[in-house]
């Protein structure tokens, strides 16, 4: 009969990075306006932000297994 001691160790580390390209559109109505000093003006404006593309960088896991058998 054999007697065997077996030791097993496992480590793991991972990471994940996401980067987006964005489009930003700005608008104003009126687009241009000239006023005298001290006067007030009203401008309607809008901002639209849209994600265009997702970049996935550095995705993955790194694992290490080690087994040590002693008789």
Protein backbone atom coordinates (compact mmCIF):
# COMPACT_ATOMS: atom_id res chain seq x y z
CA UNK A 1 0.00 0.00 0.00
CA UNK A 2 1.29 3.42 -0.92
CA UNK A 3 1.02 6.47 1.26
CA UNK A 4 1.14 9.71 -0.74
CA UNK A 5 0.84 13.25 0.57
CA UNK A 6 -0.50 15.60 -2.09
CA UNK A 7 -0.48 19.37 -1.76
CA UNK A 8 -2.33 21.54 -4.27
CA UNK A 9 -2.36 25.33 -4.46
CA UNK A 10 -4.19 27.63 -6.85
CA UNK A 11 -4.02 31.39 -7.29
CA UNK A 12 -5.96 33.58 -9.71
CA UNK A 13 -5.97 37.25 -10.62
CA UNK A 14 -7.95 39.10 -13.24
CA UNK A 15 -8.76 42.48 -14.62
CA UNK A 16 -11.14 44.19 -17.00
CA UNK A 17 -11.11 47.63 -18.61
CA UNK A 18 -13.80 49.24 -20.75
CA UNK A 19 -13.27 52.39 -22.79
CA UNK A 20 -16.01 54.11 -24.80
CA UNK A 21 -15.82 56.47 -27.77
CA UNK A 22 -18.51 59.15 -27.42
CA UNK A 23 -20.19 61.56 -29.81
CA UNK A 24 -21.23 64.88 -28.27
CA UNK A 25 -23.60 67.09 -30.24
CA UNK A 26 -24.44 70.63 -29.07
CA UNK A 27 -27.07 72.92 -30.48
CA UNK A 28 -28.41 76.42 -29.72
CA UNK A 29 -31.29 78.47 -31.05
CA UNK A 30 -30.55 81.05 -32.14
CA UNK A 31 -27.04 79.86 -33.10
CA UNK A 32 -25.66 83.41 -32.77
CA UNK A 33 -26.98 86.57 -31.16
CA UNK A 34 -25.66 90.10 -30.66
CA UNK A 35 -26.89 92.15 -27.72
CA UNK A 36 -25.85 95.45 -26.20
CA UNK A 37 -24.14 95.67 -22.82
CA UNK A 38 -26.64 95.25 -19.99
CA UNK A 39 -29.32 93.60 -22.14
CA UNK A 40 -30.61 90.09 -21.67
CA UNK A 41 -31.24 87.38 -24.24
CA UNK A 42 -32.79 83.93 -24.21
CA UNK A 43 -31.11 80.99 -25.92
CA UNK A 44 -32.53 77.49 -26.07
CA UNK A 45 -29.80 74.86 -26.08
CA UNK A 46 -29.37 71.11 -26.12
CA UNK A 47 -26.62 68.57 -25.60
CA UNK A 48 -26.81 64.98 -26.84
CA UNK A 49 -24.21 62.44 -25.72
CA UNK A 50 -24.13 59.06 -27.46
CA UNK A 51 -21.79 56.09 -26.82
CA UNK A 52 -20.42 55.04 -30.22
CA UNK A 53 -18.02 52.19 -29.64
CA UNK A 54 -16.96 49.98 -26.76
CA UNK A 55 -13.32 48.94 -26.50
CA UNK A 56 -12.57 46.02 -24.22
CA UNK A 57 -8.99 46.03 -23.07
CA UNK A 58 -7.11 43.79 -20.71
CA UNK A 59 -9.88 41.25 -20.28
CA UNK A 60 -8.80 37.92 -18.93
CA UNK A 61 -7.68 35.94 -15.96
CA UNK A 62 -4.28 34.65 -15.06
CA UNK A 63 -4.22 31.37 -13.16
CA UNK A 64 -1.46 29.32 -11.66
CA UNK A 65 -1.83 25.73 -10.45
CA UNK A 66 0.84 23.86 -8.56
CA UNK A 67 0.75 20.27 -7.35
CA UNK A 68 3.46 18.73 -5.22
CA UNK A 69 3.45 14.97 -4.63
CA UNK A 70 5.63 13.44 -1.93
CA UNK A 71 6.11 9.75 -1.24
